[in-house]
């Protein structure tokens, strides 16, 4: 059996796997697959993903990354941690630890390296692919789990090698900002060390989420959230084992975790970190909103977006709900970008059809643009010269039968031209949003004129209008974020925070 003492850690005796406790099964797995050695290292997130695979296969409830690190140090005494890699692409490694030569995990790593070489330049950074054909691991982490934790959630992890080329797997988690206490004193029961510990384990938690997402293991995100926020539907009652939840409590008790989430500086810091994490995930999953994406991958992302807020809410029971706000912006962004991508592929077919382009030009020349301009000027103050130039450019671009990518360049140029006078000005965000309203109104009036004339190409125009409106929103969103020095996710998150604040005020009023 495995025996644990504070002095020697775990020692290995005769093992009867049928009688091992869940903790001892995990310890036995570590001793079977890893060993200490000088001059080598393993990324912490890689080892943790291997561990999640093991838990999925053995139907064990995984612990969070921090508790898992405690377990590893109990098994391999004197293990050191180093941060290796260039700035912005560095990772924490366990220094002095390697995979045993007879471990099936070796083939997993070899397949990963071979796959990474095949996929360059899309993936310059090697990440584990925990779904290859490894003895005892062939089903992948997501199989079965998705049916239990998210009805309808597509599991495409077993085909990750087919979809990796559509992702940006080279992106890593950016550096997190410094926590600013803003002169607000710590509440009773909190100490500076608590804040520091929370920052360390939250970074580890975010790195683990990024790694499972790169491997399209969507169902495991819920597992990671539940593990970090100490959600458990039941715990083992055995008294002769090391309780890993107690180990998490020793490092950062849940009562302290709840207090930290109510401390305004920590709350603000966590929101900034969440925005950075979610923005990285969006750019990994959808690096180019116009590039064709396989329908299976698109559907898997959309299904994940639909359920992620429920997952996080359920995992964060007894945690202040203000900590969940940013997830709404993340889910909404994934839905919008996948819809935009779908519209782009539908419009691509129209823009490549010569007969449809000819009909669209014919119908567009019948539109009463004088009347359209008068309405636009009266309602939203559109300048005559700008509108006439846009009309002429649009017709010329349509006549040239430009590709979707060329249309995207034209739309980007329109935004640059209109917003150029406001560059570097505090009025830039407001001017950008106002332009978006004007664009939407003007295009609506044009579509209305085409509808009233029963234009034969109305369907094509309607599709193009939907795409251009959505892409224009995408461009404005990114320009505003750039002007404010924030991420697009954080710009969307501001709307969610305002909505949450209003709903909370309404709720308090009703309760009174």
Protein backbone atom coordinates (compact mmCIF):
# COMPACT_ATOMS: atom_id res chain seq x y z
CA UNK A 1 0.00 0.00 0.00
CA UNK A 2 0.97 3.70 -0.08
CA UNK A 3 1.85 5.29 3.21
CA UNK A 4 2.13 9.04 3.76
CA UNK A 5 4.16 10.91 6.38
CA UNK A 6 5.09 14.58 6.59
CA UNK A 7 8.78 13.72 6.64
CA UNK A 8 9.10 11.21 3.81
CA UNK A 9 5.99 11.84 1.73
CA UNK A 10 4.48 8.79 0.02
CA UNK A 11 6.37 5.49 0.26
CA UNK A 12 5.62 2.55 -1.98
CA UNK A 13 4.78 -0.88 -0.54
CA UNK A 14 2.87 -3.83 -1.95
CA UNK A 15 -0.11 -2.40 -3.84
CA UNK A 16 -3.61 -3.84 -4.05
CA UNK A 17 -5.34 -1.52 -6.54
CA UNK A 18 -8.80 -2.80 -5.66
CA UNK A 19 -8.40 -1.52 -2.09
CA UNK A 20 -6.72 1.80 -2.90
CA UNK A 21 -8.53 5.00 -1.96
CA UNK A 22 -9.12 7.61 -4.72
CA UNK A 23 -6.16 9.66 -3.50
CA UNK A 24 -3.86 6.64 -3.43
CA UNK A 25 -4.97 5.68 -6.96
CA UNK A 26 -3.84 9.12 -8.14
CA UNK A 27 -0.56 8.80 -6.24
CA UNK A 28 0.02 5.36 -7.70
CA UNK A 29 -0.57 6.76 -11.19
CA UNK A 30 2.04 9.45 -10.58
CA UNK A 31 4.60 6.89 -9.39
CA UNK A 32 3.85 4.60 -12.33
CA UNK A 33 4.32 7.31 -14.96
CA UNK A 34 6.87 9.81 -13.63
CA UNK A 35 10.27 9.77 -11.97
CA UNK A 36 12.83 12.26 -10.72
CA UNK A 37 15.90 12.97 -12.85
CA UNK A 38 18.47 15.75 -13.02
CA UNK A 39 18.62 18.23 -15.90
CA UNK A 40 15.07 17.69 -17.23
CA UNK A 41 11.74 19.44 -16.74
CA UNK A 42 8.03 19.12 -17.50
CA UNK A 43 5.53 21.99 -17.97
CA UNK A 44 3.11 22.06 -15.05
CA UNK A 45 0.09 22.51 -17.32
CA UNK A 46 1.14 19.48 -19.40
CA UNK A 47 1.35 17.25 -16.35
CA UNK A 48 -1.97 18.56 -15.09
CA UNK A 49 -3.68 17.76 -18.40
CA UNK A 50 -2.23 14.22 -18.21
CA UNK A 51 -3.75 14.02 -14.73
CA UNK A 52 -7.17 15.18 -15.99
CA UNK A 53 -7.05 12.42 -18.58
CA UNK A 54 -6.34 9.89 -15.86
CA UNK A 55 -9.25 11.14 -13.75
CA UNK A 56 -11.62 10.95 -16.71
CA UNK A 57 -10.61 7.37 -17.48
CA UNK A 58 -10.83 6.20 -13.86
CA UNK A 59 -13.98 8.23 -13.07
CA UNK A 60 -12.25 10.13 -10.26
CA UNK A 61 -13.09 13.70 -9.31
CA UNK A 62 -10.01 15.82 -10.18
CA UNK A 63 -8.66 18.45 -7.82
CA UNK A 64 -7.62 21.93 -8.86
CA UNK A 65 -4.15 22.72 -10.16
CA UNK A 66 -2.96 24.09 -6.82
CA UNK A 67 -3.97 20.97 -4.88
CA UNK A 68 -2.49 18.76 -7.58
CA UNK A 69 0.81 20.61 -7.21
CA UNK A 70 0.69 19.90 -3.46
CA UNK A 71 0.16 16.22 -4.20
CA UNK A 72 3.09 16.10 -6.64
CA UNK A 73 5.44 17.64 -4.07
CA UNK A 74 4.25 15.06 -1.53
CA UNK A 75 5.11 12.23 -3.92
CA UNK A 76 8.38 13.65 -5.30
CA UNK A 77 10.09 15.29 -2.37
CA UNK A 78 12.36 18.27 -3.06
CA UNK A 79 10.88 18.99 -6.48
CA UNK A 80 11.71 22.49 -7.77
CA UNK A 81 9.70 24.87 -9.95
CA UNK A 82 11.15 27.08 -12.68
CA UNK A 83 9.67 29.47 -15.20
CA UNK A 84 11.14 28.70 -18.62
CA UNK A 85 10.67 30.31 -22.04
CA UNK A 86 10.82 33.78 -23.54
CA UNK A 87 8.82 36.64 -22.04
CA UNK A 88 5.19 36.34 -23.04
CA UNK A 89 5.62 32.65 -23.88
CA UNK A 90 7.07 31.36 -20.61
CA UNK A 91 5.58 28.56 -18.53
CA UNK A 92 6.13 27.11 -15.11
CA UNK A 93 7.96 23.78 -15.20
CA UNK A 94 8.61 21.05 -12.66
CA UNK A 95 12.40 20.89 -12.77
CA UNK A 96 13.91 17.46 -12.10
CA UNK A 97 10.90 15.41 -13.23
CA UNK A 98 10.36 13.31 -16.35
CA UNK A 99 8.02 10.69 -17.82
CA UNK A 100 9.16 7.12 -17.22
CA UNK A 101 10.50 5.29 -20.26
CA UNK A 102 7.84 2.56 -20.01
CA UNK A 103 4.92 4.99 -19.58
CA UNK A 104 2.21 5.11 -22.30
CA UNK A 105 2.36 8.90 -21.95
CA UNK A 106 5.58 8.82 -24.00
CA UNK A 107 3.65 7.99 -27.14
CA UNK A 108 1.27 10.84 -26.36
CA UNK A 109 4.13 13.36 -26.28
CA UNK A 110 5.68 11.92 -29.46
CA UNK A 111 2.38 12.25 -31.33
CA UNK A 112 2.11 15.81 -30.11
CA UNK A 113 5.54 16.75 -31.40
CA UNK A 114 4.90 15.08 -34.75
CA UNK A 115 1.56 16.89 -35.08
CA UNK A 116 3.10 20.24 -34.15
CA UNK A 117 5.72 19.86 -36.88
CA UNK A 118 3.05 19.09 -39.48
CA UNK A 119 0.93 22.08 -38.52
CA UNK A 120 3.50 24.85 -38.69
CA UNK A 121 3.19 27.80 -39.20
CA UNK A 122 -0.25 27.59 -37.59
CA UNK A 123 1.18 26.14 -34.40
CA UNK A 124 4.69 27.15 -33.43
CA UNK A 125 4.14 26.42 -29.79
CA UNK A 126 3.85 22.76 -28.74
CA UNK A 127 0.94 21.93 -26.52
CA UNK A 128 -0.17 18.51 -25.45
CA UNK A 129 -2.77 16.77 -27.54
CA UNK A 130 -4.41 14.48 -24.95
CA UNK A 131 -6.54 12.71 -27.51
CA UNK A 132 -4.08 10.65 -29.49
CA UNK A 133 -4.13 6.86 -29.53
CA UNK A 134 -2.43 6.13 -26.24
CA UNK A 135 -2.89 2.83 -24.46
CA UNK A 136 -5.69 3.22 -21.96
CA UNK A 137 -6.44 6.78 -23.10
CA UNK A 138 -7.95 6.27 -26.53
CA UNK A 139 -11.37 7.72 -25.76
CA UNK A 140 -10.10 11.18 -24.90
CA UNK A 141 -11.18 13.32 -21.99
CA UNK A 142 -14.37 14.64 -23.46
CA UNK A 143 -16.11 11.37 -24.35
CA UNK A 144 -19.05 10.69 -22.09
CA UNK A 145 -18.36 13.78 -19.99
CA UNK A 146 -20.16 16.03 -22.43
CA UNK A 147 -23.34 13.96 -22.23
CA UNK A 148 -23.28 14.11 -18.44
CA UNK A 149 -22.48 17.79 -18.02
CA UNK A 150 -23.82 19.49 -21.11
CA UNK A 151 -26.62 18.04 -23.20
CA UNK A 152 -25.96 18.67 -26.86
CA UNK A 153 -22.35 19.75 -26.34
CA UNK A 154 -20.39 18.55 -29.36
CA UNK A 155 -17.24 16.60 -28.53
CA UNK A 156 -14.69 16.97 -31.31
CA UNK A 157 -11.62 16.42 -29.16
CA UNK A 158 -10.97 13.03 -30.74
CA UNK A 159 -10.56 14.79 -34.10
CA UNK A 160 -8.45 17.68 -32.77
CA UNK A 161 -5.75 17.01 -35.39
CA UNK A 162 -8.32 17.76 -38.12
CA UNK A 163 -9.22 21.15 -36.67
CA UNK A 164 -5.90 22.34 -35.24
CA UNK A 165 -5.01 24.14 -38.46
CA UNK A 166 -8.04 26.43 -37.98
CA UNK A 167 -6.91 27.47 -34.49
CA UNK A 168 -4.11 29.75 -33.34
CA UNK A 169 -2.46 27.32 -30.93
CA UNK A 170 0.67 29.47 -30.73
CA UNK A 171 -1.05 32.06 -28.55
CA UNK A 172 -0.17 31.94 -24.86
CA UNK A 173 -1.67 33.57 -21.81
CA UNK A 174 -0.41 37.17 -21.52
CA UNK A 175 1.14 38.56 -18.36
CA UNK A 176 -1.44 39.53 -15.76
CA UNK A 177 -1.49 43.12 -14.43
CA UNK A 178 -0.38 44.14 -10.98
CA UNK A 179 -3.07 44.19 -8.31
CA UNK A 180 -3.74 47.73 -7.10
CA UNK A 181 -5.20 48.01 -3.61
CA UNK A 182 -6.24 51.62 -4.33
CA UNK A 183 -5.75 52.45 -0.66
CA UNK A 184 -8.63 50.19 0.37
CA UNK A 185 -7.73 48.32 3.60
CA UNK A 186 -8.04 44.54 3.76
CA UNK A 187 -11.23 43.33 5.49
CA UNK A 188 -10.99 41.44 8.76
CA UNK A 189 -9.80 37.90 8.20
CA UNK A 190 -7.64 38.72 5.17
CA UNK A 191 -3.86 39.09 5.07
CA UNK A 192 -1.52 40.21 2.25
CA UNK A 193 -0.30 36.61 1.89
CA UNK A 194 -3.86 35.53 1.08
CA UNK A 195 -3.97 37.99 -1.81
CA UNK A 196 -0.58 36.82 -3.10
CA UNK A 197 -1.60 33.13 -2.90
CA UNK A 198 -4.83 33.84 -4.74
CA UNK A 199 -2.93 35.54 -7.57
CA UNK A 200 -0.60 32.54 -7.94
CA UNK A 201 -3.28 29.85 -8.00
CA UNK A 202 -5.55 31.89 -10.26
CA UNK A 203 -2.77 32.19 -12.83
CA UNK A 204 -2.28 28.41 -12.69
CA UNK A 205 -6.03 27.93 -13.09
CA UNK A 206 -6.18 30.18 -16.16
CA UNK A 207 -3.23 28.41 -17.78
CA UNK A 208 -4.98 25.07 -17.30
CA UNK A 209 -8.15 26.40 -18.94
CA UNK A 210 -6.19 27.72 -21.91
CA UNK A 211 -4.46 24.38 -22.44
CA UNK A 212 -7.65 22.29 -22.42
CA UNK A 213 -9.33 24.79 -24.76
CA UNK A 214 -6.45 24.58 -27.24
CA UNK A 215 -7.11 20.85 -27.33
CA UNK A 216 -10.87 21.43 -27.82
CA UNK A 217 -11.67 19.70 -24.51
CA UNK A 218 -14.69 21.93 -23.87
CA UNK A 219 -16.38 19.71 -21.22
CA UNK A 220 -13.25 19.86 -19.05
CA UNK A 221 -13.68 23.60 -18.56
CA UNK A 222 -16.55 22.90 -16.18
CA UNK A 223 -14.38 20.39 -14.34
CA UNK A 224 -11.64 22.99 -13.92
CA UNK A 225 -14.10 25.62 -12.68
CA UNK A 226 -15.64 23.23 -10.17
CA UNK A 227 -12.23 22.19 -8.96
CA UNK A 228 -10.92 25.73 -8.49
CA UNK A 229 -14.02 27.05 -6.73
CA UNK A 230 -14.19 23.95 -4.46
CA UNK A 231 -17.52 22.72 -5.76
CA UNK A 232 -18.16 19.10 -4.77
CA UNK A 233 -21.32 17.01 -4.86
CA UNK A 234 -19.81 14.52 -2.43
CA UNK A 235 -16.54 13.77 -0.71
CA UNK A 236 -14.86 10.56 0.37
CA UNK A 237 -15.41 9.57 3.98
CA UNK A 238 -12.23 7.49 4.25
CA UNK A 239 -10.02 8.57 7.13
CA UNK A 240 -6.75 6.91 6.12
CA UNK A 241 -6.16 9.09 3.07
CA UNK A 242 -4.86 12.58 2.45
CA UNK A 243 -7.91 14.76 1.73
CA UNK A 244 -6.89 16.96 -1.17
CA UNK A 245 -9.73 19.39 -0.52
CA UNK A 246 -8.20 19.85 2.93
CA UNK A 247 -4.91 20.56 1.20
CA UNK A 248 -6.63 23.31 -0.83
CA UNK A 249 -8.06 24.63 2.41
CA UNK A 250 -4.61 24.74 3.95
CA UNK A 251 -3.26 26.82 1.09
CA UNK A 252 -6.31 29.08 0.70
CA UNK A 253 -9.44 28.27 2.74
CA UNK A 254 -12.73 28.66 0.90
CA UNK A 255 -13.92 31.14 3.54
CA UNK A 256 -10.91 33.30 2.65
CA UNK A 257 -11.62 32.76 -1.06
CA UNK A 258 -15.14 34.16 -0.57
CA UNK A 259 -13.80 37.17 1.33
CA UNK A 260 -11.25 37.85 -1.40
CA UNK A 261 -14.01 37.86 -4.02
CA UNK A 262 -15.79 40.59 -2.04
CA UNK A 263 -12.65 42.75 -1.78
CA UNK A 264 -12.95 45.43 -4.48
CA UNK A 265 -9.27 45.48 -5.62
CA UNK A 266 -9.26 41.68 -6.00
CA UNK A 267 -12.58 41.82 -7.82
CA UNK A 268 -11.22 44.42 -10.27
CA UNK A 269 -7.99 42.46 -10.74
CA UNK A 270 -9.89 39.23 -11.42
CA UNK A 271 -12.01 40.98 -14.05
CA UNK A 272 -8.89 42.23 -15.83
CA UNK A 273 -7.39 38.75 -15.75
CA UNK A 274 -10.62 37.17 -16.99
CA UNK A 275 -10.76 39.65 -19.87
CA UNK A 276 -7.19 38.75 -20.87
CA UNK A 277 -7.92 35.03 -20.60
CA UNK A 278 -11.20 35.19 -22.55
CA UNK A 279 -9.68 37.40 -25.24
CA UNK A 280 -6.86 34.88 -25.68
CA UNK A 281 -9.37 32.04 -25.94
CA UNK A 282 -11.42 33.89 -28.56
CA UNK A 283 -8.31 34.58 -30.65
CA UNK A 284 -7.27 30.93 -30.35
CA UNK A 285 -10.63 29.50 -31.38
CA UNK A 286 -11.49 32.12 -34.05
CA UNK A 287 -8.25 33.77 -35.19
CA UNK A 288 -9.88 35.04 -38.42
CA UNK A 289 -13.61 35.74 -38.46
CA UNK A 290 -13.75 35.63 -42.28
CA UNK A 291 -11.77 32.44 -42.87
CA UNK A 292 -13.91 29.32 -43.54
CA UNK A 293 -14.26 27.11 -40.46
CA UNK A 294 -15.56 23.50 -40.51
CA UNK A 295 -19.19 23.30 -39.43
CA UNK A 296 -18.40 20.75 -36.71
CA UNK A 297 -15.90 23.12 -35.09
CA UNK A 298 -18.27 26.07 -35.39
CA UNK A 299 -21.10 24.09 -33.80
CA UNK A 300 -18.88 22.88 -30.97
CA UNK A 301 -17.85 26.46 -30.18
CA UNK A 302 -21.46 27.68 -30.28
CA UNK A 303 -22.65 24.87 -28.01
CA UNK A 304 -19.88 25.68 -25.57
CA UNK A 305 -20.85 29.37 -25.63
CA UNK A 306 -24.46 28.49 -24.85
CA UNK A 307 -23.62 26.50 -21.73
CA UNK A 308 -20.49 28.08 -20.27
CA UNK A 309 -22.32 30.67 -18.14
CA UNK A 310 -24.44 27.96 -16.52
CA UNK A 311 -21.33 25.91 -15.85
CA UNK A 312 -19.55 28.80 -14.17
CA UNK A 313 -22.61 29.84 -12.17
CA UNK A 314 -23.12 26.30 -10.87
CA UNK A 315 -19.42 25.93 -10.02
CA UNK A 316 -19.37 29.23 -8.10
CA UNK A 317 -22.11 28.54 -5.59
CA UNK A 318 -21.60 30.79 -2.53
CA UNK A 319 -19.12 32.91 -4.53
CA UNK A 320 -20.16 36.58 -5.12
CA UNK A 321 -21.95 36.78 -8.46
CA UNK A 322 -19.91 39.85 -9.48
CA UNK A 323 -17.07 37.43 -10.31
CA UNK A 324 -19.14 35.88 -13.12
CA UNK A 325 -19.88 39.04 -15.11
CA UNK A 326 -17.05 38.73 -17.67
CA UNK A 327 -18.13 35.24 -18.72
CA UNK A 328 -21.24 36.72 -20.33
CA UNK A 329 -19.14 38.90 -22.62
CA UNK A 330 -17.00 35.86 -23.51
CA UNK A 331 -20.05 33.75 -24.41
CA UNK A 332 -21.64 36.58 -26.40
CA UNK A 333 -18.41 37.21 -28.32
CA UNK A 334 -18.11 33.54 -29.29
CA UNK A 335 -21.71 33.52 -30.52
CA UNK A 336 -21.28 36.75 -32.49
CA UNK A 337 -18.01 35.71 -34.12
CA UNK A 338 -19.29 32.28 -35.15
CA UNK A 339 -22.43 33.92 -36.59
CA UNK A 340 -20.26 36.45 -38.42
CA UNK A 341 -18.17 33.61 -39.83
CA UNK A 342 -21.29 31.79 -40.99
CA UNK A 343 -22.58 34.95 -42.71
CA UNK A 344 -19.20 35.45 -44.36
CA UNK A 345 -19.25 32.01 -45.97
CA UNK A 346 -22.83 32.46 -47.20
CA UNK A 347 -21.99 35.91 -48.64
CA UNK A 348 -18.83 34.58 -50.25
CA UNK A 349 -20.96 32.45 -52.58
CA UNK A 350 -23.05 35.48 -53.59
CA UNK A 351 -20.02 37.67 -54.27
CA UNK A 352 -18.55 34.99 -56.53
CA UNK A 353 -21.72 34.67 -58.62
CA UNK A 354 -21.50 36.91 -61.69
CA UNK A 355 -25.24 36.70 -62.49
CA UNK A 356 -26.22 37.75 -58.97
CA UNK A 357 -23.74 40.65 -58.99
CA UNK A 358 -25.15 41.88 -62.30
CA UNK A 359 -28.71 41.76 -60.94
CA UNK A 360 -27.65 43.56 -57.75
CA UNK A 361 -26.07 46.39 -59.75
CA UNK A 362 -29.21 46.73 -61.87
CA UNK A 363 -31.47 46.90 -58.80
CA UNK A 364 -29.14 49.27 -56.96
CA UNK A 365 -29.20 51.76 -59.84
CA UNK A 366 -33.00 52.03 -59.44
CA UNK A 367 -32.79 53.07 -55.78
CA UNK A 368 -33.76 56.69 -55.12
CA UNK A 369 -30.56 57.68 -53.35
CA UNK A 370 -31.59 61.33 -53.26
CA UNK A 371 -34.53 60.44 -51.02
CA UNK A 372 -32.34 58.09 -49.00
CA UNK A 373 -29.81 60.86 -48.42
CA UNK A 374 -32.50 63.37 -47.37
CA UNK A 375 -33.81 60.96 -44.73
CA UNK A 376 -30.34 60.11 -43.49
CA UNK A 377 -29.40 63.79 -43.20
CA UNK A 378 -32.57 64.67 -41.30
CA UNK A 379 -32.47 61.74 -38.85
CA UNK A 380 -28.77 61.35 -38.08
CA UNK A 381 -26.97 64.22 -39.75
CA UNK A 382 -25.10 62.19 -42.36
CA UNK A 383 -22.86 64.44 -44.47
CA UNK A 384 -23.86 64.53 -48.14
CA UNK A 385 -20.31 64.30 -49.44
CA UNK A 386 -19.40 61.28 -47.31
CA UNK A 387 -22.59 59.40 -48.20
CA UNK A 388 -22.23 60.07 -51.93
CA UNK A 389 -18.63 58.87 -51.84
CA UNK A 390 -19.65 55.69 -50.03
CA UNK A 391 -22.42 55.06 -52.57
CA UNK A 392 -20.03 55.45 -55.51
CA UNK A 393 -17.32 53.29 -53.89
CA UNK A 394 -19.85 50.59 -53.09
CA UNK A 395 -21.14 50.41 -56.67
CA UNK A 396 -17.59 50.40 -58.07
CA UNK A 397 -16.45 47.63 -55.71
CA UNK A 398 -19.54 45.60 -56.59
CA UNK A 399 -18.96 46.11 -60.30
CA UNK A 400 -15.37 44.89 -59.98
CA UNK A 401 -16.68 41.64 -58.43
CA UNK A 402 -14.21 41.86 -55.59
CA UNK A 403 -13.64 38.96 -53.20
CA UNK A 404 -14.92 38.91 -49.64
CA UNK A 405 -11.47 39.79 -48.35
CA UNK A 406 -11.33 42.83 -50.67
CA UNK A 407 -14.73 43.94 -49.38
CA UNK A 408 -13.37 43.61 -45.83
CA UNK A 409 -10.46 45.90 -46.75
CA UNK A 410 -12.94 48.42 -48.18
CA UNK A 411 -15.05 48.38 -45.00
CA UNK A 412 -11.95 48.82 -42.87
CA UNK A 413 -10.94 51.77 -45.03
CA UNK A 414 -14.38 53.35 -44.55
CA UNK A 415 -13.98 53.14 -40.76
CA UNK A 416 -10.47 54.63 -40.91
CA UNK A 417 -11.61 57.47 -43.15
CA UNK A 418 -14.62 58.44 -41.06
CA UNK A 419 -12.88 58.19 -37.68
CA UNK A 420 -9.57 59.74 -38.69
CA UNK A 421 -10.46 63.22 -37.29
CA UNK A 422 -11.05 61.67 -33.85
CA UNK A 423 -7.84 59.61 -33.63
CA UNK A 424 -6.18 60.12 -30.25
CA UNK A 425 -9.15 62.12 -28.95
CA UNK A 426 -11.21 61.20 -25.86
CA UNK A 427 -14.24 61.59 -28.12
CA UNK A 428 -13.13 58.64 -30.29
CA UNK A 429 -15.34 55.93 -28.63
CA UNK A 430 -18.43 58.12 -28.82
CA UNK A 431 -17.75 59.08 -32.45
CA UNK A 432 -17.21 55.43 -33.37
CA UNK A 433 -20.49 54.32 -31.81
CA UNK A 434 -22.35 57.21 -33.47
CA UNK A 435 -20.95 56.21 -36.86
CA UNK A 436 -22.19 52.66 -36.26
CA UNK A 437 -25.70 54.00 -35.66
CA UNK A 438 -25.56 56.12 -38.82
CA UNK A 439 -24.29 53.19 -40.88
CA UNK A 440 -27.10 50.98 -39.58
CA UNK A 441 -29.80 53.57 -40.31
CA UNK A 442 -28.52 54.35 -43.80
CA UNK A 443 -28.30 50.68 -44.82
CA UNK A 444 -31.81 50.09 -43.41
CA UNK A 445 -33.26 52.84 -45.60
CA UNK A 446 -31.55 51.39 -48.70
CA UNK A 447 -32.90 47.90 -47.92
CA UNK A 448 -36.38 49.36 -47.40
CA UNK A 449 -36.27 51.00 -50.85
CA UNK A 450 -35.21 47.70 -52.45
CA UNK A 451 -38.03 45.92 -50.63
CA UNK A 452 -40.69 48.38 -51.77
CA UNK A 453 -39.47 48.01 -55.36
CA UNK A 454 -39.63 44.21 -55.09
CA UNK A 455 -36.03 44.00 -56.25
CA UNK A 456 -35.12 40.59 -57.66
CA UNK A 457 -31.82 40.64 -55.74
CA UNK A 458 -33.40 41.57 -52.41
CA UNK A 459 -32.29 38.29 -50.81
CA UNK A 460 -28.68 38.85 -51.86
CA UNK A 461 -28.72 42.44 -50.59
CA UNK A 462 -30.26 41.37 -47.29
CA UNK A 463 -27.52 38.79 -46.76
CA UNK A 464 -24.77 41.25 -47.69
CA UNK A 465 -26.29 43.90 -45.44
CA UNK A 466 -26.36 41.48 -42.46
CA UNK A 467 -22.71 40.59 -43.02
CA UNK A 468 -21.53 44.18 -43.45
CA UNK A 469 -23.43 45.41 -40.41
CA UNK A 470 -21.98 42.63 -38.28
CA UNK A 471 -18.46 43.10 -39.62
CA UNK A 472 -18.71 46.86 -39.15
CA UNK A 473 -19.68 46.24 -35.51
CA UNK A 474 -16.63 43.96 -35.22
CA UNK A 475 -14.35 46.68 -36.63
CA UNK A 476 -15.77 49.42 -34.41
CA UNK A 477 -15.52 47.19 -31.35
CA UNK A 478 -11.82 46.60 -31.99
CA UNK A 479 -11.10 50.27 -32.78
CA UNK A 480 -12.77 51.40 -29.55
CA UNK A 481 -10.87 48.79 -27.55
CA UNK A 482 -7.61 49.91 -29.14
CA UNK A 483 -8.35 53.57 -28.41
CA UNK A 484 -9.09 52.77 -24.75
CA UNK A 485 -6.10 50.44 -24.36
CA UNK A 486 -8.37 47.50 -23.51
CA UNK A 487 -9.38 44.18 -25.02
CA UNK A 488 -12.55 43.84 -27.13
CA UNK A 489 -13.85 41.41 -24.49
CA UNK A 490 -13.49 44.09 -21.80
CA UNK A 491 -15.38 46.59 -23.97
CA UNK A 492 -18.25 44.10 -24.19
CA UNK A 493 -17.86 43.35 -20.48
CA UNK A 494 -18.59 46.98 -19.60
CA UNK A 495 -22.07 46.51 -21.06
CA UNK A 496 -22.55 43.34 -19.02
CA UNK A 497 -21.39 45.06 -15.83
CA UNK A 498 -23.81 47.95 -16.41
CA UNK A 499 -26.63 45.48 -17.08
CA UNK A 500 -25.72 43.49 -13.98
CA UNK A 501 -25.67 46.64 -11.85
CA UNK A 502 -29.12 47.69 -13.09
CA UNK A 503 -30.55 44.21 -12.50
CA UNK A 504 -29.04 44.11 -9.01
CA UNK A 505 -30.59 47.51 -8.21
CA UNK A 506 -33.99 46.31 -9.44
CA UNK A 507 -33.66 43.14 -7.38
CA UNK A 508 -32.85 45.15 -4.23
CA UNK A 509 -35.81 47.44 -4.86
CA UNK A 510 -38.19 44.49 -5.24
CA UNK A 511 -36.86 42.87 -2.05
CA UNK A 512 -37.46 46.10 -0.12
